Amino acid sequence: MTALQNETASSPAITADAAAALSVGIAAFAAGYAERGIGSAAMGAIAEDEDLFVNGLVLTVLPETLVILALVVVFAA
């Protein structure tokens, strides 16, 4: 028998702290990935028309709410 077979089947694969850190990390990675495309499109739009600066800024900052919500969930639980 191996050491893995000796553990009970009900034990989690990772701890709660590790799961929380993983969820915030994945949310941050997803926000950065989304901002990559949004930022370049916003810069192109602003180059064409400077009145679109506020819209581009709002759309660029919007994915960061994913990370903020992930942090709220981690600290609220």
C-alpha atoms as a PDB file:
ATOM      1  CA  MET A   1       0.000   0.000   0.000  1.00  0.00           C
ATOM      2  CA  THR A   2       1.171   3.465  -0.760  1.00  0.00           C
ATOM      3  CA  ALA A   3       0.982   6.486   1.491  1.00  0.00           C
ATOM      4  CA  LEU A   4      -1.826   7.962  -0.615  1.00  0.00           C
ATOM      5  CA  GLN A   5      -4.047   4.960  -0.039  1.00  0.00           C
ATOM      6  CA  ASN A   6      -3.720   5.327   3.721  1.00  0.00           C
ATOM      7  CA  GLU A   7      -5.420   8.741   3.757  1.00  0.00           C
ATOM      8  CA  THR A   8      -9.139   8.944   4.243  1.00  0.00           C
ATOM      9  CA  ALA A   9     -11.284   9.606   1.222  1.00  0.00           C
ATOM     10  CA  SER A  10     -12.972  12.590   2.832  1.00  0.00           C
ATOM     11  CA  SER A  11      -9.857  14.764   3.176  1.00  0.00           C
ATOM     12  CA  PRO A  12      -9.692  17.697   0.738  1.00  0.00           C
ATOM     13  CA  ALA A  13      -7.042  17.846  -1.939  1.00  0.00           C
ATOM     14  CA  ILE A  14      -5.911  21.327  -0.850  1.00  0.00           C
ATOM     15  CA  THR A  15      -6.501  23.397   2.251  1.00  0.00           C
ATOM     16  CA  ALA A  16      -9.025  26.217   2.442  1.00  0.00           C
ATOM     17  CA  ASP A  17      -6.266  28.833   2.499  1.00  0.00           C
ATOM     18  CA  ALA A  18      -4.690  27.377  -0.621  1.00  0.00           C
ATOM     19  CA  ALA A  19      -8.051  27.311  -2.394  1.00  0.00           C
ATOM     20  CA  ALA A  20      -8.655  30.959  -1.494  1.00  0.00           C
ATOM     21  CA  ALA A  21      -5.224  31.975  -2.773  1.00  0.00           C
ATOM     22  CA  LEU A  22      -5.776  30.003  -5.968  1.00  0.00           C
ATOM     23  CA  SER A  23      -9.154  31.625  -6.604  1.00  0.00           C
ATOM     24  CA  VAL A  24      -7.792  35.152  -6.159  1.00  0.00           C
ATOM     25  CA  GLY A  25      -4.803  34.323  -8.364  1.00  0.00           C
ATOM     26  CA  ILE A  26      -6.985  32.966 -11.142  1.00  0.00           C
ATOM     27  CA  ALA A  27      -9.282  36.008 -10.919  1.00  0.00           C
ATOM     28  CA  ALA A  28      -6.270  38.326 -11.168  1.00  0.00           C
ATOM     29  CA  PHE A  29      -4.907  36.417 -14.150  1.00  0.00           C
ATOM     30  CA  ALA A  30      -8.311  36.552 -15.894  1.00  0.00           C
ATOM     31  CA  ALA A  31      -8.598  40.288 -15.250  1.00  0.00           C
ATOM     32  CA  GLY A  32      -5.149  40.888 -16.713  1.00  0.00           C
ATOM     33  CA  TYR A  33      -6.000  38.775 -19.743  1.00  0.00           C
ATOM     34  CA  ALA A  34      -9.227  40.732 -20.308  1.00  0.00           C
ATOM     35  CA  GLU A  35      -7.486  44.073 -19.888  1.00  0.00           C
ATOM     36  CA  ARG A  36      -4.985  43.127 -22.573  1.00  0.00           C
ATOM     37  CA  GLY A  37      -7.591  43.257 -25.308  1.00  0.00           C
ATOM     38  CA  ILE A  38      -9.678  46.028 -23.821  1.00  0.00           C
ATOM     39  CA  GLY A  39      -6.676  48.300 -23.313  1.00  0.00           C
ATOM     40  CA  SER A  40      -5.461  48.015 -26.875  1.00  0.00           C
ATOM     41  CA  ALA A  41      -8.953  48.595 -28.267  1.00  0.00           C
ATOM     42  CA  ALA A  42      -9.446  51.585 -25.973  1.00  0.00           C
ATOM     43  CA  MET A  43      -6.153  53.129 -27.061  1.00  0.00           C
ATOM     44  CA  GLY A  44      -7.144  52.719 -30.694  1.00  0.00           C
ATOM     45  CA  ALA A  45     -10.520  54.325 -30.046  1.00  0.00           C
ATOM     46  CA  ILE A  46      -8.952  57.209 -28.118  1.00  0.00           C
ATOM     47  CA  ALA A  47      -6.475  57.780 -30.944  1.00  0.00           C
ATOM     48  CA  GLU A  48      -9.415  58.188 -33.325  1.00  0.00           C
ATOM     49  CA  ASP A  49     -11.609  60.294 -31.024  1.00  0.00           C
ATOM     50  CA  GLU A  50     -10.386  61.870 -27.781  1.00  0.00           C
ATOM     51  CA  ASP A  51     -13.949  62.093 -26.440  1.00  0.00           C
ATOM     52  CA  LEU A  52     -13.876  58.315 -25.860  1.00  0.00           C
ATOM     53  CA  PHE A  53     -11.252  58.613 -23.092  1.00  0.00           C
ATOM     54  CA  VAL A  54     -13.729  58.208 -20.227  1.00  0.00           C
ATOM     55  CA  ASN A  55     -15.434  55.230 -21.879  1.00  0.00           C
ATOM     56  CA  GLY A  56     -12.088  53.575 -22.528  1.00  0.00           C
ATOM     57  CA  LEU A  57     -10.959  54.189 -18.964  1.00  0.00           C
ATOM     58  CA  VAL A  58     -14.138  52.715 -17.491  1.00  0.00           C
ATOM     59  CA  LEU A  59     -13.972  49.649 -19.726  1.00  0.00           C
ATOM     60  CA  THR A  60     -10.299  49.123 -18.898  1.00  0.00           C
ATOM     61  CA  VAL A  61     -10.889  49.282 -15.134  1.00  0.00           C
ATOM     62  CA  LEU A  62     -14.020  47.112 -15.222  1.00  0.00           C
ATOM     63  CA  PRO A  63     -12.256  43.696 -15.170  1.00  0.00           C
ATOM     64  CA  GLU A  64     -10.470  44.683 -11.956  1.00  0.00           C
ATOM     65  CA  THR A  65     -13.792  44.287 -10.183  1.00  0.00           C
ATOM     66  CA  LEU A  66     -13.278  40.533 -10.592  1.00  0.00           C
ATOM     67  CA  VAL A  67     -10.238  40.682  -8.339  1.00  0.00           C
ATOM     68  CA  ILE A  68     -11.965  42.953  -5.836  1.00  0.00           C
ATOM     69  CA  LEU A  69     -14.963  40.624  -5.647  1.00  0.00           C
ATOM     70  CA  ALA A  70     -12.681  37.614  -5.237  1.00  0.00           C
ATOM     71  CA  LEU A  71     -10.926  39.325  -2.344  1.00  0.00           C
ATOM     72  CA  VAL A  72     -14.261  40.224  -0.753  1.00  0.00           C
ATOM     73  CA  VAL A  73     -15.410  36.610  -0.978  1.00  0.00           C
ATOM     74  CA  VAL A  74     -12.145  35.341   0.520  1.00  0.00           C
ATOM     75  CA  PHE A  75     -12.194  37.732   3.455  1.00  0.00           C
ATOM     76  CA  ALA A  76     -15.946  37.396   4.053  1.00  0.00           C
ATOM     77  CA  ALA A  77     -15.823  33.606   4.297  1.00  0.00           C
END
